[in-house]
Protein backbone atom coordinates (compact mmCIF):
# COMPACT_ATOMS: atom_id res chain seq x y z
CA UNK A 1 297.74 66.57 3.38
CA UNK A 2 298.54 64.12 6.18
CA UNK A 3 302.25 63.70 5.17
CA UNK A 4 302.58 67.48 4.99
CA UNK A 5 301.17 67.88 8.55
CA UNK A 6 303.40 65.11 9.82
CA UNK A 7 306.54 66.59 8.34
CA UNK A 8 305.66 70.05 9.64
CA UNK A 9 305.13 68.63 13.13
CA UNK A 10 308.52 66.85 13.08
CA UNK A 11 310.29 70.05 11.92
CA UNK A 12 308.71 72.05 14.75
CA UNK A 13 309.67 69.41 17.37
CA UNK A 14 313.24 69.26 16.00
CA UNK A 15 313.70 73.01 16.50
CA UNK A 16 312.63 72.89 20.15
CA UNK A 17 315.11 73.11 23.00
CA UNK A 18 314.87 70.31 25.51
CA UNK A 19 315.52 70.79 29.22
CA UNK A 20 318.93 69.67 30.47
CA UNK A 21 318.91 69.03 34.19
CA UNK A 22 322.10 70.05 36.01
CA UNK A 23 322.29 69.42 39.70
CA UNK A 24 324.48 71.24 42.15
CA UNK A 25 326.01 68.88 44.72
CA UNK A 26 327.66 70.84 47.61
CA UNK A 27 329.96 67.91 48.44
CA UNK A 28 331.31 67.76 44.90
CA UNK A 29 331.77 71.50 44.56
CA UNK A 30 333.55 71.59 47.93
CA UNK A 31 335.93 68.87 46.79
CA UNK A 32 336.70 70.87 43.59
CA UNK A 33 337.38 73.98 45.65
CA UNK A 34 339.69 72.16 47.99
CA UNK A 35 341.56 70.57 45.05
CA UNK A 36 342.47 73.94 43.47
CA UNK A 37 346.17 74.66 43.34
CA UNK A 38 348.78 76.80 41.63
CA UNK A 39 350.53 73.78 40.12
CA UNK A 40 347.88 72.06 38.02
CA UNK A 41 348.33 71.71 34.25
CA UNK A 42 345.06 73.46 33.26
CA UNK A 43 346.12 76.60 35.06
CA UNK A 44 349.41 76.59 33.09
CA UNK A 45 347.44 76.34 29.84
CA UNK A 46 345.36 79.36 30.87
CA UNK A 47 348.46 81.38 31.84
CA UNK A 48 350.23 80.57 28.58
CA UNK A 49 347.19 81.66 26.58
CA UNK A 50 346.91 84.96 28.41
CA UNK A 51 350.57 86.01 28.78
CA UNK A 52 352.94 87.47 26.15
CA UNK A 53 355.35 84.53 26.71
CA UNK A 54 354.80 80.99 27.87
CA UNK A 55 356.08 79.76 31.24
CA UNK A 56 359.20 77.72 30.57
CA UNK A 57 359.31 76.17 34.04
CA UNK A 58 356.34 74.54 35.77
CA UNK A 59 355.50 74.61 38.58
CA UNK A 60 356.57 78.24 38.35
CA UNK A 61 359.31 79.06 40.90
CA UNK A 62 358.17 82.61 41.81
CA UNK A 63 354.67 83.99 41.77
CA UNK A 64 354.53 87.81 41.53
CA UNK A 65 351.52 90.08 41.38
CA UNK A 66 351.00 89.71 37.64
CA UNK A 67 350.91 85.85 37.76
CA UNK A 68 348.73 85.84 40.86
CA UNK A 69 346.32 88.21 39.15
CA UNK A 70 345.93 85.87 36.20
CA UNK A 71 345.49 82.95 38.63
CA UNK A 72 342.76 84.99 40.34
CA UNK A 73 341.10 85.65 36.94
CA UNK A 74 341.04 81.89 36.47
CA UNK A 75 339.78 80.86 39.90
CA UNK A 76 338.01 83.75 41.58
CA UNK A 77 334.23 82.96 41.82
CA UNK A 78 333.19 86.64 42.16
CA UNK A 79 334.66 87.34 38.72
CA UNK A 80 332.91 84.21 37.41
CA UNK A 81 329.61 85.65 38.64
CA UNK A 82 330.27 88.83 36.64
CA UNK A 83 331.05 86.75 33.57
CA UNK A 84 327.84 84.76 33.99
CA UNK A 85 325.80 87.96 34.28
CA UNK A 86 327.43 89.17 31.10
CA UNK A 87 326.34 85.90 29.46
CA UNK A 88 322.77 86.56 30.58
CA UNK A 89 322.90 90.03 28.99
CA UNK A 90 324.26 88.50 25.76
CA UNK A 91 321.37 86.06 25.66
CA UNK A 92 319.04 89.05 25.99
CA UNK A 93 320.22 90.26 22.59
CA UNK A 94 318.94 87.06 21.05
CA UNK A 95 315.66 87.49 22.92
CA UNK A 96 315.32 91.07 21.66
CA UNK A 97 315.92 89.97 18.04
CA UNK A 98 313.09 87.40 18.12
CA UNK A 99 310.24 87.99 15.73
CA UNK A 100 306.60 87.41 16.80
CA UNK A 101 305.25 84.02 15.66
CA UNK A 102 302.16 83.72 13.47
CA UNK A 103 299.00 82.21 14.95
CA UNK A 104 296.95 79.44 13.36
CA UNK A 105 293.25 79.12 14.25
CA UNK A 106 291.16 76.04 13.38
CA UNK A 107 287.41 76.62 13.58
CA UNK A 108 285.39 73.50 12.76
CA UNK A 109 281.72 74.06 11.81
CA UNK A 110 278.68 71.88 11.19
CA UNK A 111 275.44 72.95 9.49
CA UNK A 112 272.44 71.15 11.09
CA UNK A 113 269.98 72.58 8.57
CA UNK A 114 271.46 71.57 5.21
CA UNK A 115 273.36 68.38 4.67
CA UNK A 116 273.74 68.67 0.86
CA UNK A 117 276.28 68.71 -0.53
CA UNK A 118 278.07 68.61 2.93
CA UNK A 119 277.04 69.74 6.42
CA UNK A 120 280.66 70.49 7.34
CA UNK A 121 282.03 74.00 7.02
CA UNK A 122 285.52 74.06 8.67
CA UNK A 123 287.53 77.25 8.67
CA UNK A 124 291.24 78.02 8.93
CA UNK A 125 292.70 81.44 9.67
CA UNK A 126 296.13 82.89 10.22
CA UNK A 127 297.31 85.87 12.22
CA UNK A 128 300.56 87.28 10.82
CA UNK A 129 301.85 90.12 13.07
CA UNK A 130 303.93 92.82 11.41
CA UNK A 131 305.94 95.12 13.75
CA UNK A 132 305.93 98.76 12.74
CA UNK A 133 308.08 101.81 13.49
CA UNK A 134 311.32 99.81 13.72
CA UNK A 135 310.52 98.28 17.08
CA UNK A 136 312.80 95.27 16.58
CA UNK A 137 316.01 97.21 15.78
CA UNK A 138 315.39 99.53 18.72
CA UNK A 139 314.80 96.53 21.02
CA UNK A 140 318.07 94.97 19.82
CA UNK A 141 319.92 98.23 20.34
CA UNK A 142 318.75 98.46 23.94
CA UNK A 143 319.79 94.84 24.57
CA UNK A 144 323.22 95.43 23.04
CA UNK A 145 323.85 98.45 25.26
CA UNK A 146 322.78 96.41 28.31
CA UNK A 147 325.20 93.64 27.26
CA UNK A 148 328.02 96.25 26.87
CA UNK A 149 327.29 97.49 30.38
CA UNK A 150 327.51 93.92 31.74
CA UNK A 151 330.76 93.38 29.79
CA UNK A 152 332.31 96.48 31.30
CA UNK A 153 331.14 95.34 34.76
CA UNK A 154 333.46 92.33 34.27
CA UNK A 155 336.35 94.76 33.72
CA UNK A 156 335.40 96.74 36.83
CA UNK A 157 335.29 93.52 38.86
CA UNK A 158 338.69 92.56 37.41
CA UNK A 159 340.24 95.87 38.45
CA UNK A 160 338.82 95.60 41.95
CA UNK A 161 340.13 92.04 42.21
CA UNK A 162 343.58 93.08 41.17
CA UNK A 163 343.58 95.95 43.71
CA UNK A 164 342.42 93.66 46.51
CA UNK A 165 345.05 91.07 45.50
CA UNK A 166 347.81 93.67 45.51
CA UNK A 167 346.70 94.91 48.93
CA UNK A 168 346.74 91.34 50.33
CA UNK A 169 350.19 90.69 48.86
CA UNK A 170 351.50 93.95 50.25
CA UNK A 171 350.13 93.09 53.71
CA UNK A 172 351.85 89.72 53.61
CA UNK A 173 355.16 91.29 52.50
CA UNK A 174 355.08 94.04 55.10
CA UNK A 175 354.25 91.59 57.87
CA UNK A 176 357.14 89.38 56.89
CA UNK A 177 359.55 92.28 56.86
CA UNK A 178 358.14 93.58 60.17
CA UNK A 179 358.70 90.15 61.75
CA UNK A 180 362.37 90.29 60.77
CA UNK A 181 362.83 93.77 62.28
CA UNK A 182 361.01 92.84 65.47
CA UNK A 183 363.16 89.73 65.88
CA UNK A 184 366.24 91.90 65.48
CA UNK A 185 364.91 94.30 68.13
CA UNK A 186 364.19 91.48 70.51
CA UNK A 187 367.76 90.17 70.06
CA UNK A 188 369.24 93.63 70.78
CA UNK A 189 366.92 94.24 73.68
CA UNK A 190 367.86 90.83 75.15
CA UNK A 191 371.54 91.72 74.88
CA UNK A 192 370.88 95.09 76.61
CA UNK A 193 368.95 93.33 79.42
CA UNK A 194 371.76 90.79 79.86
CA UNK A 195 374.39 93.52 80.07
CA UNK A 196 372.32 95.48 82.62
CA UNK A 197 371.75 92.30 84.68
CA UNK A 198 375.54 91.82 84.82
CA UNK A 199 375.97 95.42 85.94
CA UNK A 200 373.30 94.90 88.58
CA UNK A 201 375.06 91.83 89.92
CA UNK A 202 378.27 93.81 90.06
CA UNK A 203 376.44 96.51 92.03
CA UNK A 204 376.91 99.15 89.34
CA UNK A 205 373.16 99.79 88.99
CA UNK A 206 370.10 99.19 91.08
CA UNK A 207 367.82 96.22 90.48
CA UNK A 208 364.91 98.59 89.87
CA UNK A 209 366.60 99.81 86.72
CA UNK A 210 365.99 96.41 85.12
CA UNK A 211 362.20 96.82 85.13
CA UNK A 212 362.01 99.14 82.10
CA UNK A 213 364.13 97.00 79.76
CA UNK A 214 362.28 93.80 80.82
CA UNK A 215 358.91 95.47 80.06
CA UNK A 216 360.25 96.69 76.71
CA UNK A 217 361.38 93.14 75.92
CA UNK A 218 357.94 91.66 76.75
CA UNK A 219 356.27 94.35 74.65
CA UNK A 220 358.42 93.51 71.69
CA UNK A 221 357.58 89.84 72.05
CA UNK A 222 353.90 90.67 72.11
CA UNK A 223 354.30 92.84 69.03
CA UNK A 224 356.07 89.92 67.32
CA UNK A 225 353.30 87.47 68.20
CA UNK A 226 350.62 89.90 66.98
CA UNK A 227 352.50 90.50 63.74
CA UNK A 228 352.80 86.75 63.10
CA UNK A 229 349.04 86.48 63.59
CA UNK A 230 348.56 89.30 61.10
CA UNK A 231 350.90 87.49 58.71
CA UNK A 232 348.74 84.36 58.92
CA UNK A 233 345.63 86.42 58.30
CA UNK A 234 347.27 88.14 55.33
CA UNK A 235 348.22 84.76 53.88
CA UNK A 236 344.64 83.50 54.26
CA UNK A 237 343.30 86.68 52.75
CA UNK A 238 345.64 86.34 49.78
CA UNK A 239 344.47 82.77 49.14
CA UNK A 240 340.83 83.89 49.34
CA UNK A 241 341.43 86.66 46.79
CA UNK A 242 343.09 84.18 44.40
CA UNK A 243 340.21 81.76 44.93
CA UNK A 244 342.25 78.87 46.19
CA UNK A 245 342.42 77.12 49.60
CA UNK A 246 345.09 78.24 52.04
CA UNK A 247 346.94 74.94 51.50
CA UNK A 248 347.50 75.85 47.83
CA UNK A 249 350.10 78.41 48.98
CA UNK A 250 352.20 75.81 50.75
CA UNK A 251 355.52 75.51 49.02
CA UNK A 252 354.78 78.50 46.80
CA UNK A 253 357.42 81.20 46.67
CA UNK A 254 355.85 84.64 46.43
CA UNK A 255 357.62 87.55 44.69
CA UNK A 256 357.39 91.03 46.19
CA UNK A 257 359.94 92.87 43.98
CA UNK A 258 357.32 94.57 41.84
CA UNK A 259 355.64 95.98 44.93
CA UNK A 260 358.82 97.61 46.26
CA UNK A 261 359.84 99.73 43.28
CA UNK A 262 360.71 103.31 44.23
CA UNK A 263 358.66 105.19 41.64
CA UNK A 264 356.03 104.57 38.99
CA UNK A 265 357.33 104.04 35.47
CA UNK A 266 354.59 106.45 34.23
CA UNK A 267 353.64 109.60 36.03
CA UNK A 268 349.98 109.03 36.95
CA UNK A 269 349.58 112.39 38.58
CA UNK A 270 349.39 114.41 35.40
CA UNK A 271 346.25 116.16 34.22
CA UNK A 272 346.41 114.25 30.93
CA UNK A 273 346.24 110.91 32.69
CA UNK A 274 343.37 112.13 34.80
CA UNK A 275 341.40 113.31 31.77
CA UNK A 276 341.93 109.99 30.00
CA UNK A 277 340.85 108.12 33.09
CA UNK A 278 337.66 110.18 33.37
CA UNK A 279 336.74 109.04 29.86
CA UNK A 280 337.98 105.43 29.78
CA UNK A 281 337.45 103.96 33.26
CA UNK A 282 335.39 100.82 32.96
CA UNK A 283 332.75 101.99 35.44
CA UNK A 284 332.37 105.27 33.53
CA UNK A 285 332.00 103.44 30.25
CA UNK A 286 329.52 101.10 31.90
CA UNK A 287 327.42 104.01 33.12
CA UNK A 288 327.57 105.49 29.60
CA UNK A 289 326.33 102.17 28.21
CA UNK A 290 323.52 102.19 30.73
CA UNK A 291 322.51 105.68 29.52
CA UNK A 292 322.62 104.50 25.90
CA UNK A 293 320.41 101.54 26.86
CA UNK A 294 317.89 103.87 28.57
CA UNK A 295 317.80 106.09 25.50
CA UNK A 296 317.22 103.11 23.20
CA UNK A 297 314.43 101.96 25.54
CA UNK A 298 312.82 105.39 25.33
CA UNK A 299 312.94 105.19 21.55
CA UNK A 300 311.30 101.77 21.73
CA UNK A 301 308.49 102.99 23.97
CA UNK A 302 307.84 105.94 21.67
CA UNK A 303 307.64 103.51 18.73
CA UNK A 304 305.16 101.35 20.65
CA UNK A 305 302.59 104.14 20.55
CA UNK A 306 302.11 103.22 16.91
CA UNK A 307 300.19 99.88 16.71
CA UNK A 308 301.44 96.79 14.96
CA UNK A 309 299.54 95.48 11.98
CA UNK A 310 298.05 91.96 11.86
CA UNK A 311 297.38 90.32 8.53
CA UNK A 312 294.60 87.69 8.81
CA UNK A 313 294.23 85.43 5.75
CA UNK A 314 291.58 82.72 6.10
CA UNK A 315 289.88 79.82 4.32
CA UNK A 316 286.49 78.18 4.86
CA UNK A 317 284.82 75.20 3.23
CA UNK A 318 281.14 76.08 3.30
CA UNK A 319 278.58 73.68 1.80
CA UNK A 320 280.86 72.68 -0.98
CA UNK A 321 282.09 76.26 -1.62
CA UNK A 322 285.72 77.35 -1.09
CA UNK A 323 285.71 80.75 0.60
CA UNK A 324 288.87 82.84 1.00
CA UNK A 325 289.19 85.89 3.20
CA UNK A 326 291.93 88.48 3.88
CA UNK A 327 291.64 90.73 6.86
CA UNK A 328 293.86 93.37 8.39
CA UNK A 329 293.59 94.37 12.04
CA UNK A 330 295.38 96.78 14.33
CA UNK A 331 294.92 98.35 17.71
CA UNK A 332 293.17 101.71 17.87
CA UNK A 333 295.24 104.00 20.10
CA UNK A 334 292.35 106.08 21.27
CA UNK A 335 292.27 105.30 25.02
CA UNK A 336 295.90 104.49 25.57
CA UNK A 337 298.81 105.87 23.49
CA UNK A 338 301.54 104.27 25.59
CA UNK A 339 302.13 107.56 27.41
CA UNK A 340 302.75 105.91 30.76
CA UNK A 341 305.67 103.65 29.61
CA UNK A 342 307.06 106.59 27.62
CA UNK A 343 307.08 108.77 30.72
CA UNK A 344 308.74 105.98 32.73
CA UNK A 345 311.41 105.49 30.05
CA UNK A 346 312.11 109.20 29.93
CA UNK A 347 312.46 109.27 33.71
CA UNK A 348 314.84 106.30 33.54
CA UNK A 349 316.96 108.14 31.00
CA UNK A 350 317.23 111.12 33.35
CA UNK A 351 318.17 108.75 36.21
CA UNK A 352 320.79 107.08 34.02
CA UNK A 353 322.30 110.49 33.16
CA UNK A 354 322.38 111.39 36.84
CA UNK A 355 324.14 108.11 37.67
CA UNK A 356 326.70 108.70 34.94
CA UNK A 357 327.46 112.16 36.38
CA UNK A 358 327.73 110.64 39.86
CA UNK A 359 330.10 107.91 38.66
CA UNK A 360 332.29 110.40 36.85
CA UNK A 361 332.32 112.76 39.82
CA UNK A 362 333.23 109.91 42.16
CA UNK A 363 336.05 108.90 39.80
CA UNK A 364 337.37 112.46 39.79
CA UNK A 365 337.31 112.51 43.59
CA UNK A 366 339.13 109.20 43.79
CA UNK A 367 341.80 110.35 41.36
CA UNK A 368 342.38 113.64 43.21
CA UNK A 369 342.60 111.82 46.55
CA UNK A 370 344.93 109.32 45.03
CA UNK A 371 347.22 112.02 43.65
CA UNK A 372 347.25 113.91 46.98
CA UNK A 373 347.83 110.68 48.92
CA UNK A 374 350.73 109.61 46.73
CA UNK A 375 352.45 113.00 46.97
CA UNK A 376 352.03 113.05 50.77
CA UNK A 377 353.25 109.47 51.12
CA UNK A 378 356.23 110.25 48.91
CA UNK A 379 357.14 113.30 51.01
CA UNK A 380 356.85 111.32 54.25
CA UNK A 381 358.89 108.48 52.78
CA UNK A 382 361.72 110.88 51.86
CA UNK A 383 361.60 112.37 55.32
CA UNK A 384 361.84 108.94 56.95
CA UNK A 385 364.72 108.02 54.65
CA UNK A 386 366.61 111.14 55.77
CA UNK A 387 365.88 110.29 59.40
CA UNK A 388 367.07 106.74 58.88
CA UNK A 389 370.29 108.02 57.28
CA UNK A 390 370.86 110.38 60.21
CA UNK A 391 370.18 107.56 62.70
CA UNK A 392 372.65 105.33 60.81
CA UNK A 393 375.36 108.00 61.06
CA UNK A 394 374.63 108.37 64.78
CA UNK A 395 375.00 104.62 65.30
CA UNK A 396 378.29 104.68 63.45
CA UNK A 397 379.45 107.58 65.69
CA UNK A 398 378.59 105.60 68.84
CA UNK A 399 380.42 102.56 67.44
CA UNK A 400 383.51 104.74 66.95
CA UNK A 401 383.25 105.99 70.54
CA UNK A 402 382.98 102.42 71.85
CA UNK A 403 386.04 101.46 69.82
CA UNK A 404 387.92 104.42 71.26
CA UNK A 405 386.81 103.55 74.79
CA UNK A 406 384.72 106.72 75.18
CA UNK A 407 381.39 104.84 75.42
CA UNK A 408 380.19 101.51 76.79
CA UNK A 409 379.06 98.55 74.70
CA UNK A 410 375.55 98.93 76.04
CA UNK A 411 375.43 102.40 74.50
CA UNK A 412 376.06 100.89 71.09
CA UNK A 413 373.33 98.33 71.66
CA UNK A 414 370.93 101.16 72.56
CA UNK A 415 371.95 102.98 69.37
CA UNK A 416 371.36 99.85 67.33
CA UNK A 417 367.97 99.41 68.94
CA UNK A 418 366.99 102.98 68.10
CA UNK A 419 368.15 102.42 64.47
CA UNK A 420 366.10 99.20 64.23
CA UNK A 421 363.05 101.09 65.51
CA UNK A 422 363.75 103.76 62.87
CA UNK A 423 363.87 101.05 60.23
CA UNK A 424 360.45 99.88 61.42
CA UNK A 425 359.11 103.45 60.99
CA UNK A 426 360.78 103.54 57.55
CA UNK A 427 359.00 100.28 56.61
CA UNK A 428 355.67 101.79 57.60
CA UNK A 429 356.40 104.76 55.38
CA UNK A 430 357.25 102.50 52.47
CA UNK A 431 354.05 100.52 52.94
CA UNK A 432 351.95 103.67 53.02
CA UNK A 433 353.64 104.86 49.84
CA UNK A 434 352.91 101.50 48.15
CA UNK A 435 349.30 101.65 49.33
CA UNK A 436 348.95 105.19 47.99
CA UNK A 437 350.49 104.17 44.66
CA UNK A 438 348.05 101.25 44.47
CA UNK A 439 345.07 103.43 45.25
CA UNK A 440 346.09 105.89 42.47
CA UNK A 441 346.62 102.96 40.10
CA UNK A 442 343.12 101.73 40.84
CA UNK A 443 341.59 105.21 40.46
CA UNK A 444 342.99 105.82 37.00
CA UNK A 445 342.89 102.11 36.00
CA UNK A 446 346.42 102.29 34.71
CA UNK A 447 348.90 99.73 36.12
CA UNK A 448 352.14 101.38 37.19
CA UNK A 449 354.18 98.99 35.10
CA UNK A 450 351.66 98.69 32.26
CA UNK A 451 351.54 94.91 32.41
CA UNK A 452 347.74 94.78 32.32
CA UNK A 453 347.19 97.61 29.83
CA UNK A 454 344.95 95.34 27.79
CA UNK A 455 342.31 95.79 30.45
CA UNK A 456 341.73 99.38 29.36
CA UNK A 457 343.03 99.11 25.80
CA UNK A 458 340.31 96.65 24.78
CA UNK A 459 337.17 98.54 25.65
CA UNK A 460 335.54 98.71 22.18
CA UNK A 461 332.21 97.05 21.60
CA UNK A 462 333.76 94.22 19.57
CA UNK A 463 336.70 93.57 21.93
CA UNK A 464 336.93 91.29 24.88
CA UNK A 465 337.50 92.86 28.28
CA UNK A 466 339.71 90.03 29.39
CA UNK A 467 341.48 87.26 27.56
CA UNK A 468 340.05 85.12 30.38
CA UNK A 469 336.61 85.63 28.90
CA UNK A 470 337.51 84.55 25.36
CA UNK A 471 338.31 81.04 26.35
CA UNK A 472 337.41 79.54 29.69
CA UNK A 473 338.76 76.17 30.63
CA UNK A 474 335.97 74.04 32.10
CA UNK A 475 338.15 71.61 34.10
CA UNK A 476 339.55 73.45 37.07
């Protein structure tokens, strides 16, 4: 008997999980954050595993939106939080599948009246719980739906991250192009001011006529300084969205070509695309999973109104006699039939249904606003292009007049300044169009170029939302 008890105790101890202490040291984590870069070898391994083709050259010469998005998937801590919460939900499936443990009761007894043949009468009893009404499968189903909701939340966070990253990259690109146009305007304005100063010295114009061009020059310089500050902010914002320090962008060449394409490769304004989006967006599928979890929880609470059965075998040594017993016990649902939890679960199912309708309605509103915004931005862009073409023809006409001696050189400079200002307006129109296209892309969760189609293609219960989730490199 003693060896059996010893072996049983060792087996129980071997199956126990022991606590593993893991400390968070702010100084060490800060050092890891500051050491992040877009040139380390582990990032290249991650990119090669999650791209159709490996990167042949490293460090990569040009980082476009697609590569920066993958780098953000690797580094961004907000996405890591969503992954961790999904891990918690997955662990909940294991918790839900656990079976209740039996209970062992030891009841020693001693008879003070009779000592023959033995005054001892120890007893041993077991309590073996048996769940009824399929409670365990229903509990597992609810946990699986909650895990699916958490998994889809990772996809939603990934889409938001990509949209924020695209917006930051677009801000940086537009600021850089705006700086170039403002520098050109400053140069032209300076030439105009110099020519007017020469005319003033010659007595051709009054000195007071120099005030307006000087004020215009100072205003352009202030606009240039403000744009450079915005450019620095956009660069810092971009680094934050990637999840790297600002210094990690030093020496990195950013590619903006995919942001400046004239039209989407796929028409995202069609009714078919809208209907697909209203059924496959990750937040809609997540709300649907939440509803399924609430329904499974309601089924579980209904099943809990039927009591579990407890089998109670026992043994007692009584005065030399071996006595065996077998009992069955269960709760009598006469005062409480679990009606309160059932009512709460039913109310939660109604709330989950209302949240699903709200999410789908919000998605429809976002898509319709995105379609309207894209069409308006496209129309404004075409109008600005026509105005820019007209301004270019007017500048060419003034240049011909100057060549023929019918106009002064300062008139050509003024025409060039107006054309540069028109180019600045045209740039603003292009940026608004790109922003509208990005907003529509986010609302339907369909990338314009289809590079990240696996984000929505892999939304089944057995598929991973992101390749980044299937294998995570620990050393960053």
